[in-house]
Amino acid sequence: AVYYCTAVTYGYSWWGQGTQVTVSS
């Protein structure tokens, strides 16, 4: 998936741009 960092301030969620994680079988 794309993994997103989040931070919450006064009830508002901020988001990073995301980083791809790929797990092969």
mmCIF file of all heavy atoms, coordinates in Angstrom:
data_MODEL
# 
_entry.id   MODEL 
# 
loop_
_atom_site.group_PDB 
_atom_site.id 
_atom_site.type_symbol 
_atom_site.label_atom_id 
_atom_site.label_alt_id 
_atom_site.label_comp_id 
_atom_site.label_asym_id 
_atom_site.label_entity_id 
_atom_site.label_seq_id 
_atom_site.pdbx_PDB_ins_code 
_atom_site.Cartn_x 
_atom_site.Cartn_y 
_atom_site.Cartn_z 
_atom_site.occupancy 
_atom_site.B_iso_or_equiv 
_atom_site.pdbx_formal_charge 
_atom_site.auth_seq_id 
_atom_site.auth_comp_id 
_atom_site.auth_asym_id 
_atom_site.auth_atom_id 
_atom_site.pdbx_PDB_model_num 
ATOM 1   N N   . ALA A 1 1  ? 0.851  -1.193  0.000  1.00 0.00 ? 1  ALA A N   1 
ATOM 2   C CA  . ALA A 1 1  ? 0.000  0.000   0.000  1.00 0.00 ? 1  ALA A CA  1 
ATOM 3   C C   . ALA A 1 1  ? 0.885  1.240   0.000  1.00 0.00 ? 1  ALA A C   1 
ATOM 4   O O   . ALA A 1 1  ? 2.105  1.142   0.173  1.00 0.00 ? 1  ALA A O   1 
ATOM 5   C CB  . ALA A 1 1  ? -0.905 0.024   1.229  1.00 0.00 ? 1  ALA A CB  1 
ATOM 6   N N   . VAL A 1 2  ? 0.249  2.374   -0.177 1.00 0.00 ? 2  VAL A N   1 
ATOM 7   C CA  . VAL A 1 2  ? 0.920  3.644   0.102  1.00 0.00 ? 2  VAL A CA  1 
ATOM 8   C C   . VAL A 1 2  ? 0.673  3.964   1.570  1.00 0.00 ? 2  VAL A C   1 
ATOM 9   O O   . VAL A 1 2  ? -0.476 3.962   2.027  1.00 0.00 ? 2  VAL A O   1 
ATOM 10  C CB  . VAL A 1 2  ? 0.394  4.773   -0.791 1.00 0.00 ? 2  VAL A CB  1 
ATOM 11  C CG1 . VAL A 1 2  ? 1.064  6.093   -0.421 1.00 0.00 ? 2  VAL A CG1 1 
ATOM 12  C CG2 . VAL A 1 2  ? 0.637  4.442   -2.259 1.00 0.00 ? 2  VAL A CG2 1 
ATOM 13  N N   . TYR A 1 3  ? 1.729  4.227   2.288  1.00 0.00 ? 3  TYR A N   1 
ATOM 14  C CA  . TYR A 1 3  ? 1.642  4.517   3.718  1.00 0.00 ? 3  TYR A CA  1 
ATOM 15  C C   . TYR A 1 3  ? 1.767  6.022   3.926  1.00 0.00 ? 3  TYR A C   1 
ATOM 16  O O   . TYR A 1 3  ? 2.713  6.649   3.445  1.00 0.00 ? 3  TYR A O   1 
ATOM 17  C CB  . TYR A 1 3  ? 2.738  3.776   4.476  1.00 0.00 ? 3  TYR A CB  1 
ATOM 18  C CG  . TYR A 1 3  ? 2.429  2.312   4.642  1.00 0.00 ? 3  TYR A CG  1 
ATOM 19  C CD1 . TYR A 1 3  ? 2.420  1.450   3.538  1.00 0.00 ? 3  TYR A CD1 1 
ATOM 20  C CD2 . TYR A 1 3  ? 2.120  1.769   5.889  1.00 0.00 ? 3  TYR A CD2 1 
ATOM 21  C CE1 . TYR A 1 3  ? 2.109  0.107   3.671  1.00 0.00 ? 3  TYR A CE1 1 
ATOM 22  C CE2 . TYR A 1 3  ? 1.817  0.428   6.029  1.00 0.00 ? 3  TYR A CE2 1 
ATOM 23  C CZ  . TYR A 1 3  ? 1.815  -0.399  4.921  1.00 0.00 ? 3  TYR A CZ  1 
ATOM 24  O OH  . TYR A 1 3  ? 1.507  -1.737  5.050  1.00 0.00 ? 3  TYR A OH  1 
ATOM 25  N N   . TYR A 1 4  ? 0.804  6.562   4.672  1.00 0.00 ? 4  TYR A N   1 
ATOM 26  C CA  . TYR A 1 4  ? 0.745  8.000   4.906  1.00 0.00 ? 4  TYR A CA  1 
ATOM 27  C C   . TYR A 1 4  ? 0.981  8.305   6.377  1.00 0.00 ? 4  TYR A C   1 
ATOM 28  O O   . TYR A 1 4  ? 0.338  7.706   7.256  1.00 0.00 ? 4  TYR A O   1 
ATOM 29  C CB  . TYR A 1 4  ? -0.622 8.553   4.516  1.00 0.00 ? 4  TYR A CB  1 
ATOM 30  C CG  . TYR A 1 4  ? -0.931 8.477   3.047  1.00 0.00 ? 4  TYR A CG  1 
ATOM 31  C CD1 . TYR A 1 4  ? -1.587 7.380   2.508  1.00 0.00 ? 4  TYR A CD1 1 
ATOM 32  C CD2 . TYR A 1 4  ? -0.561 9.509   2.188  1.00 0.00 ? 4  TYR A CD2 1 
ATOM 33  C CE1 . TYR A 1 4  ? -1.881 7.307   1.158  1.00 0.00 ? 4  TYR A CE1 1 
ATOM 34  C CE2 . TYR A 1 4  ? -0.844 9.448   0.835  1.00 0.00 ? 4  TYR A CE2 1 
ATOM 35  C CZ  . TYR A 1 4  ? -1.495 8.346   0.332  1.00 0.00 ? 4  TYR A CZ  1 
ATOM 36  O OH  . TYR A 1 4  ? -1.777 8.282   -1.011 1.00 0.00 ? 4  TYR A OH  1 
ATOM 37  N N   . CYS A 1 5  ? 1.838  9.256   6.620  1.00 0.00 ? 5  CYS A N   1 
ATOM 38  C CA  . CYS A 1 5  ? 2.028  9.778   7.967  1.00 0.00 ? 5  CYS A CA  1 
ATOM 39  C C   . CYS A 1 5  ? 0.942  10.809  8.247  1.00 0.00 ? 5  CYS A C   1 
ATOM 40  O O   . CYS A 1 5  ? 0.553  11.580  7.347  1.00 0.00 ? 5  CYS A O   1 
ATOM 41  C CB  . CYS A 1 5  ? 3.405  10.422  8.078  1.00 0.00 ? 5  CYS A CB  1 
ATOM 42  S SG  . CYS A 1 5  ? 3.769  11.156  9.683  1.00 0.00 ? 5  CYS A SG  1 
ATOM 43  N N   . THR A 1 6  ? 0.459  10.833  9.466  1.00 0.00 ? 6  THR A N   1 
ATOM 44  C CA  . THR A 1 6  ? -0.556 11.795  9.854  1.00 0.00 ? 6  THR A CA  1 
ATOM 45  C C   . THR A 1 6  ? -0.203 12.430  11.192 1.00 0.00 ? 6  THR A C   1 
ATOM 46  O O   . THR A 1 6  ? 0.428  11.802  12.044 1.00 0.00 ? 6  THR A O   1 
ATOM 47  C CB  . THR A 1 6  ? -1.944 11.145  9.924  1.00 0.00 ? 6  THR A CB  1 
ATOM 48  O OG1 . THR A 1 6  ? -2.932 12.146  10.168 1.00 0.00 ? 6  THR A OG1 1 
ATOM 49  C CG2 . THR A 1 6  ? -2.013 10.101  11.028 1.00 0.00 ? 6  THR A CG2 1 
ATOM 50  N N   . ALA A 1 7  ? -0.610 13.672  11.351 1.00 0.00 ? 7  ALA A N   1 
ATOM 51  C CA  . ALA A 1 7  ? -0.469 14.378  12.619 1.00 0.00 ? 7  ALA A CA  1 
ATOM 52  C C   . ALA A 1 7  ? -1.761 15.144  12.862 1.00 0.00 ? 7  ALA A C   1 
ATOM 53  O O   . ALA A 1 7  ? -2.321 15.740  11.936 1.00 0.00 ? 7  ALA A O   1 
ATOM 54  C CB  . ALA A 1 7  ? 0.721  15.334  12.595 1.00 0.00 ? 7  ALA A CB  1 
ATOM 55  N N   . VAL A 1 8  ? -2.222 15.119  14.090 1.00 0.00 ? 8  VAL A N   1 
ATOM 56  C CA  . VAL A 1 8  ? -3.491 15.753  14.441 1.00 0.00 ? 8  VAL A CA  1 
ATOM 57  C C   . VAL A 1 8  ? -3.232 16.943  15.350 1.00 0.00 ? 8  VAL A C   1 
ATOM 58  O O   . VAL A 1 8  ? -2.541 16.811  16.377 1.00 0.00 ? 8  VAL A O   1 
ATOM 59  C CB  . VAL A 1 8  ? -4.436 14.765  15.144 1.00 0.00 ? 8  VAL A CB  1 
ATOM 60  C CG1 . VAL A 1 8  ? -5.740 15.460  15.520 1.00 0.00 ? 8  VAL A CG1 1 
ATOM 61  C CG2 . VAL A 1 8  ? -4.719 13.577  14.237 1.00 0.00 ? 8  VAL A CG2 1 
ATOM 62  N N   . THR A 1 9  ? -3.773 18.105  14.960 1.00 0.00 ? 9  THR A N   1 
ATOM 63  C CA  . THR A 1 9  ? -3.686 19.301  15.774 1.00 0.00 ? 9  THR A CA  1 
ATOM 64  C C   . THR A 1 9  ? -5.084 19.877  15.935 1.00 0.00 ? 9  THR A C   1 
ATOM 65  O O   . THR A 1 9  ? -5.743 20.147  14.939 1.00 0.00 ? 9  THR A O   1 
ATOM 66  C CB  . THR A 1 9  ? -2.777 20.357  15.133 1.00 0.00 ? 9  THR A CB  1 
ATOM 67  O OG1 . THR A 1 9  ? -3.347 20.762  13.880 1.00 0.00 ? 9  THR A OG1 1 
ATOM 68  C CG2 . THR A 1 9  ? -1.386 19.807  14.880 1.00 0.00 ? 9  THR A CG2 1 
ATOM 69  N N   . TYR A 1 10 ? -5.519 20.063  17.184 1.00 0.00 ? 10 TYR A N   1 
ATOM 70  C CA  . TYR A 1 10 ? -6.842 20.646  17.467 1.00 0.00 ? 10 TYR A CA  1 
ATOM 71  C C   . TYR A 1 10 ? -7.934 19.993  16.619 1.00 0.00 ? 10 TYR A C   1 
ATOM 72  O O   . TYR A 1 10 ? -8.804 20.677  16.073 1.00 0.00 ? 10 TYR A O   1 
ATOM 73  C CB  . TYR A 1 10 ? -6.814 22.154  17.217 1.00 0.00 ? 10 TYR A CB  1 
ATOM 74  C CG  . TYR A 1 10 ? -5.752 22.864  17.999 1.00 0.00 ? 10 TYR A CG  1 
ATOM 75  C CD1 . TYR A 1 10 ? -4.702 23.512  17.356 1.00 0.00 ? 10 TYR A CD1 1 
ATOM 76  C CD2 . TYR A 1 10 ? -5.769 22.880  19.390 1.00 0.00 ? 10 TYR A CD2 1 
ATOM 77  C CE1 . TYR A 1 10 ? -3.721 24.169  18.076 1.00 0.00 ? 10 TYR A CE1 1 
ATOM 78  C CE2 . TYR A 1 10 ? -4.785 23.524  20.119 1.00 0.00 ? 10 TYR A CE2 1 
ATOM 79  C CZ  . TYR A 1 10 ? -3.761 24.168  19.450 1.00 0.00 ? 10 TYR A CZ  1 
ATOM 80  O OH  . TYR A 1 10 ? -2.788 24.810  20.160 1.00 0.00 ? 10 TYR A OH  1 
ATOM 81  N N   . GLY A 1 11 ? -7.846 18.679  16.478 1.00 0.00 ? 11 GLY A N   1 
ATOM 82  C CA  . GLY A 1 11 ? -8.866 17.935  15.751 1.00 0.00 ? 11 GLY A CA  1 
ATOM 83  C C   . GLY A 1 11 ? -8.712 17.923  14.258 1.00 0.00 ? 11 GLY A C   1 
ATOM 84  O O   . GLY A 1 11 ? -9.520 17.294  13.558 1.00 0.00 ? 11 GLY A O   1 
ATOM 85  N N   . TYR A 1 12 ? -7.706 18.565  13.720 1.00 0.00 ? 12 TYR A N   1 
ATOM 86  C CA  . TYR A 1 12 ? -7.479 18.602  12.274 1.00 0.00 ? 12 TYR A CA  1 
ATOM 87  C C   . TYR A 1 12 ? -6.331 17.666  11.925 1.00 0.00 ? 12 TYR A C   1 
ATOM 88  O O   . TYR A 1 12 ? -5.289 17.670  12.587 1.00 0.00 ? 12 TYR A O   1 
ATOM 89  C CB  . TYR A 1 12 ? -7.140 20.018  11.804 1.00 0.00 ? 12 TYR A CB  1 
ATOM 90  C CG  . TYR A 1 12 ? -6.988 20.121  10.308 1.00 0.00 ? 12 TYR A CG  1 
ATOM 91  C CD1 . TYR A 1 12 ? -8.094 20.302  9.493  1.00 0.00 ? 12 TYR A CD1 1 
ATOM 92  C CD2 . TYR A 1 12 ? -5.722 20.023  9.706  1.00 0.00 ? 12 TYR A CD2 1 
ATOM 93  C CE1 . TYR A 1 12 ? -7.963 20.393  8.121  1.00 0.00 ? 12 TYR A CE1 1 
ATOM 94  C CE2 . TYR A 1 12 ? -5.582 20.110  8.340  1.00 0.00 ? 12 TYR A CE2 1 
ATOM 95  C CZ  . TYR A 1 12 ? -6.706 20.295  7.546  1.00 0.00 ? 12 TYR A CZ  1 
ATOM 96  O OH  . TYR A 1 12 ? -6.566 20.374  6.191  1.00 0.00 ? 12 TYR A OH  1 
ATOM 97  N N   . SER A 1 13 ? -6.528 16.861  10.869 1.00 0.00 ? 13 SER A N   1 
ATOM 98  C CA  . SER A 1 13 ? -5.522 15.891  10.454 1.00 0.00 ? 13 SER A CA  1 
ATOM 99  C C   . SER A 1 13 ? -4.700 16.418  9.290  1.00 0.00 ? 13 SER A C   1 
ATOM 100 O O   . SER A 1 13 ? -5.252 16.813  8.262  1.00 0.00 ? 13 SER A O   1 
ATOM 101 C CB  . SER A 1 13 ? -6.200 14.576  10.052 1.00 0.00 ? 13 SER A CB  1 
ATOM 102 O OG  . SER A 1 13 ? -6.840 13.976  11.148 1.00 0.00 ? 13 SER A OG  1 
ATOM 103 N N   . TRP A 1 14 ? -3.406 16.402  9.473  1.00 0.00 ? 14 TRP A N   1 
ATOM 104 C CA  . TRP A 1 14 ? -2.446 16.745  8.420  1.00 0.00 ? 14 TRP A CA  1 
ATOM 105 C C   . TRP A 1 14 ? -1.888 15.450  7.860  1.00 0.00 ? 14 TRP A C   1 
ATOM 106 O O   . TRP A 1 14 ? -1.741 14.453  8.586  1.00 0.00 ? 14 TRP A O   1 
ATOM 107 C CB  . TRP A 1 14 ? -1.318 17.607  8.979  1.00 0.00 ? 14 TRP A CB  1 
ATOM 108 C CG  . TRP A 1 14 ? -1.793 18.848  9.643  1.00 0.00 ? 14 TRP A CG  1 
ATOM 109 C CD1 . TRP A 1 14 ? -2.136 19.008  10.949 1.00 0.00 ? 14 TRP A CD1 1 
ATOM 110 C CD2 . TRP A 1 14 ? -1.985 20.125  9.016  1.00 0.00 ? 14 TRP A CD2 1 
ATOM 111 N NE1 . TRP A 1 14 ? -2.541 20.297  11.174 1.00 0.00 ? 14 TRP A NE1 1 
ATOM 112 C CE2 . TRP A 1 14 ? -2.454 21.007  10.023 1.00 0.00 ? 14 TRP A CE2 1 
ATOM 113 C CE3 . TRP A 1 14 ? -1.807 20.602  7.722  1.00 0.00 ? 14 TRP A CE3 1 
ATOM 114 C CZ2 . TRP A 1 14 ? -2.751 22.343  9.760  1.00 0.00 ? 14 TRP A CZ2 1 
ATOM 115 C CZ3 . TRP A 1 14 ? -2.089 21.933  7.460  1.00 0.00 ? 14 TRP A CZ3 1 
ATOM 116 C CH2 . TRP A 1 14 ? -2.558 22.786  8.470  1.00 0.00 ? 14 TRP A CH2 1 
ATOM 117 N N   . TRP A 1 15 ? -1.509 15.470  6.581  1.00 0.00 ? 15 TRP A N   1 
ATOM 118 C CA  . TRP A 1 15 ? -1.038 14.257  5.921  1.00 0.00 ? 15 TRP A CA  1 
ATOM 119 C C   . TRP A 1 15 ? 0.251  14.503  5.154  1.00 0.00 ? 15 TRP A C   1 
ATOM 120 O O   . TRP A 1 15 ? 0.436  15.575  4.566  1.00 0.00 ? 15 TRP A O   1 
ATOM 121 C CB  . TRP A 1 15 ? -2.090 13.747  4.933  1.00 0.00 ? 15 TRP A CB  1 
ATOM 122 C CG  . TRP A 1 15 ? -3.379 13.375  5.590  1.00 0.00 ? 15 TRP A CG  1 
ATOM 123 C CD1 . TRP A 1 15 ? -4.476 14.165  5.749  1.00 0.00 ? 15 TRP A CD1 1 
ATOM 124 C CD2 . TRP A 1 15 ? -3.692 12.116  6.193  1.00 0.00 ? 15 TRP A CD2 1 
ATOM 125 N NE1 . TRP A 1 15 ? -5.458 13.461  6.419  1.00 0.00 ? 15 TRP A NE1 1 
ATOM 126 C CE2 . TRP A 1 15 ? -5.008 12.216  6.704  1.00 0.00 ? 15 TRP A CE2 1 
ATOM 127 C CE3 . TRP A 1 15 ? -2.997 10.925  6.365  1.00 0.00 ? 15 TRP A CE3 1 
ATOM 128 C CZ2 . TRP A 1 15 ? -5.630 11.156  7.364  1.00 0.00 ? 15 TRP A CZ2 1 
ATOM 129 C CZ3 . TRP A 1 15 ? -3.625 9.878   7.021  1.00 0.00 ? 15 TRP A CZ3 1 
ATOM 130 C CH2 . TRP A 1 15 ? -4.927 9.997   7.511  1.00 0.00 ? 15 TRP A CH2 1 
ATOM 131 N N   . GLY A 1 16 ? 1.105  13.494  5.160  1.00 0.00 ? 16 GLY A N   1 
ATOM 132 C CA  . GLY A 1 16 ? 2.263  13.518  4.293  1.00 0.00 ? 16 GLY A CA  1 
ATOM 133 C C   . GLY A 1 16 ? 1.881  13.076  2.890  1.00 0.00 ? 16 GLY A C   1 
ATOM 134 O O   . GLY A 1 16 ? 0.716  12.746  2.626  1.00 0.00 ? 16 GLY A O   1 
ATOM 135 N N   . GLN A 1 17 ? 2.858  13.069  1.996  1.00 0.00 ? 17 GLN A N   1 
ATOM 136 C CA  . GLN A 1 17 ? 2.574  12.708  0.607  1.00 0.00 ? 17 GLN A CA  1 
ATOM 137 C C   . GLN A 1 17 ? 2.508  11.202  0.385  1.00 0.00 ? 17 GLN A C   1 
ATOM 138 O O   . GLN A 1 17 ? 2.020  10.754  -0.649 1.00 0.00 ? 17 GLN A O   1 
ATOM 139 C CB  . GLN A 1 17 ? 3.637  13.329  -0.312 1.00 0.00 ? 17 GLN A CB  1 
ATOM 140 C CG  . GLN A 1 17 ? 3.534  14.839  -0.390 1.00 0.00 ? 17 GLN A CG  1 
ATOM 141 C CD  . GLN A 1 17 ? 4.415  15.425  -1.485 1.00 0.00 ? 17 GLN A CD  1 
ATOM 142 O OE1 . GLN A 1 17 ? 5.438  14.861  -1.839 1.00 0.00 ? 17 GLN A OE1 1 
ATOM 143 N NE2 . GLN A 1 17 ? 4.006  16.559  -2.020 1.00 0.00 ? 17 GLN A NE2 1 
ATOM 144 N N   . GLY A 1 18 ? 2.973  10.451  1.345  1.00 0.00 ? 18 GLY A N   1 
ATOM 145 C CA  . GLY A 1 18 ? 2.895  9.001   1.255  1.00 0.00 ? 18 GLY A CA  1 
ATOM 146 C C   . GLY A 1 18 ? 4.172  8.370   0.749  1.00 0.00 ? 18 GLY A C   1 
ATOM 147 O O   . GLY A 1 18 ? 4.943  8.987   0.007  1.00 0.00 ? 18 GLY A O   1 
ATOM 148 N N   . THR A 1 19 ? 4.385  7.128   1.177  1.00 0.00 ? 19 THR A N   1 
ATOM 149 C CA  . THR A 1 19 ? 5.528  6.355   0.719  1.00 0.00 ? 19 THR A CA  1 
ATOM 150 C C   . THR A 1 19 ? 5.050  4.946   0.358  1.00 0.00 ? 19 THR A C   1 
ATOM 151 O O   . THR A 1 19 ? 4.266  4.342   1.104  1.00 0.00 ? 19 THR A O   1 
ATOM 152 C CB  . THR A 1 19 ? 6.641  6.320   1.780  1.00 0.00 ? 19 THR A CB  1 
ATOM 153 O OG1 . THR A 1 19 ? 7.790  5.644   1.259  1.00 0.00 ? 19 THR A OG1 1 
ATOM 154 C CG2 . THR A 1 19 ? 6.210  5.649   3.072  1.00 0.00 ? 19 THR A CG2 1 
ATOM 155 N N   . GLN A 1 20 ? 5.504  4.457   -0.774 1.00 0.00 ? 20 GLN A N   1 
ATOM 156 C CA  . GLN A 1 20 ? 5.035  3.163   -1.271 1.00 0.00 ? 20 GLN A CA  1 
ATOM 157 C C   . GLN A 1 20 ? 5.763  2.029   -0.560 1.00 0.00 ? 20 GLN A C   1 
ATOM 158 O O   . GLN A 1 20 ? 7.000  2.036   -0.464 1.00 0.00 ? 20 GLN A O   1 
ATOM 159 C CB  . GLN A 1 20 ? 5.268  3.055   -2.784 1.00 0.00 ? 20 GLN A CB  1 
ATOM 160 C CG  . GLN A 1 20 ? 4.880  1.723   -3.392 1.00 0.00 ? 20 GLN A CG  1 
ATOM 161 C CD  . GLN A 1 20 ? 3.380  1.506   -3.410 1.00 0.00 ? 20 GLN A CD  1 
ATOM 162 O OE1 . GLN A 1 20 ? 2.610  2.393   -3.782 1.00 0.00 ? 20 GLN A OE1 1 
ATOM 163 N NE2 . GLN A 1 20 ? 2.955  0.299   -3.013 1.00 0.00 ? 20 GLN A NE2 1 
ATOM 164 N N   . VAL A 1 21 ? 4.972  1.064   -0.106 1.00 0.00 ? 21 VAL A N   1 
ATOM 165 C CA  . VAL A 1 21 ? 5.511  -0.181  0.435  1.00 0.00 ? 21 VAL A CA  1 
ATOM 166 C C   . VAL A 1 21 ? 4.966  -1.319  -0.432 1.00 0.00 ? 21 VAL A C   1 
ATOM 167 O O   . VAL A 1 21 ? 3.749  -1.453  -0.592 1.00 0.00 ? 21 VAL A O   1 
ATOM 168 C CB  . VAL A 1 21 ? 5.103  -0.384  1.901  1.00 0.00 ? 21 VAL A CB  1 
ATOM 169 C CG1 . VAL A 1 21 ? 5.462  -1.790  2.369  1.00 0.00 ? 21 VAL A CG1 1 
ATOM 170 C CG2 . VAL A 1 21 ? 5.761  0.674   2.784  1.00 0.00 ? 21 VAL A CG2 1 
ATOM 171 N N   . THR A 1 22 ? 5.869  -2.109  -0.993 1.00 0.00 ? 22 THR A N   1 
ATOM 172 C CA  . THR A 1 22 ? 5.478  -3.236  -1.823 1.00 0.00 ? 22 THR A CA  1 
ATOM 173 C C   . THR A 1 22 ? 6.107  -4.497  -1.267 1.00 0.00 ? 22 THR A C   1 
ATOM 174 O O   . THR A 1 22 ? 7.328  -4.552  -1.090 1.00 0.00 ? 22 THR A O   1 
ATOM 175 C CB  . THR A 1 22 ? 5.912  -3.035  -3.281 1.00 0.00 ? 22 THR A CB  1 
ATOM 176 O OG1 . THR A 1 22 ? 5.346  -1.817  -3.785 1.00 0.00 ? 22 THR A OG1 1 
ATOM 177 C CG2 . THR A 1 22 ? 5.450  -4.201  -4.147 1.00 0.00 ? 22 THR A CG2 1 
ATOM 178 N N   . VAL A 1 23 ? 5.263  -5.488  -0.991 1.00 0.00 ? 23 VAL A N   1 
ATOM 179 C CA  . VAL A 1 23 ? 5.736  -6.752  -0.444 1.00 0.00 ? 23 VAL A CA  1 
ATOM 180 C C   . VAL A 1 23 ? 5.469  -7.837  -1.486 1.00 0.00 ? 23 VAL A C   1 
ATOM 181 O O   . VAL A 1 23 ? 4.326  -8.100  -1.853 1.00 0.00 ? 23 VAL A O   1 
ATOM 182 C CB  . VAL A 1 23 ? 5.031  -7.101  0.872  1.00 0.00 ? 23 VAL A CB  1 
ATOM 183 C CG1 . VAL A 1 23 ? 5.610  -8.374  1.465  1.00 0.00 ? 23 VAL A CG1 1 
ATOM 184 C CG2 . VAL A 1 23 ? 5.138  -5.941  1.866  1.00 0.00 ? 23 VAL A CG2 1 
ATOM 185 N N   . SER A 1 24 ? 6.537  -8.446  -1.946 1.00 0.00 ? 24 SER A N   1 
ATOM 186 C CA  . SER A 1 24 ? 6.413  -9.490  -2.968 1.00 0.00 ? 24 SER A CA  1 
ATOM 187 C C   . SER A 1 24 ? 6.297  -10.864 -2.318 1.00 0.00 ? 24 SER A C   1 
ATOM 188 O O   . SER A 1 24 ? 6.851  -11.104 -1.245 1.00 0.00 ? 24 SER A O   1 
ATOM 189 C CB  . SER A 1 24 ? 7.619  -9.455  -3.903 1.00 0.00 ? 24 SER A CB  1 
ATOM 190 O OG  . SER A 1 24 ? 8.807  -9.740  -3.197 1.00 0.00 ? 24 SER A OG  1 
ATOM 191 N N   . SER A 1 25 ? 5.570  -11.728 -2.985 1.00 0.00 ? 25 SER A N   1 
ATOM 192 C CA  . SER A 1 25 ? 5.363  -13.085 -2.433 1.00 0.00 ? 25 SER A CA  1 
ATOM 193 C C   . SER A 1 25 ? 6.433  -14.058 -2.905 1.00 0.00 ? 25 SER A C   1 
ATOM 194 O O   . SER A 1 25 ? 7.253  -13.735 -3.748 1.00 0.00 ? 25 SER A O   1 
ATOM 195 C CB  . SER A 1 25 ? 3.988  -13.598 -2.862 1.00 0.00 ? 25 SER A CB  1 
ATOM 196 O OG  . SER A 1 25 ? 3.887  -13.591 -4.274 1.00 0.00 ? 25 SER A OG  1 
# 
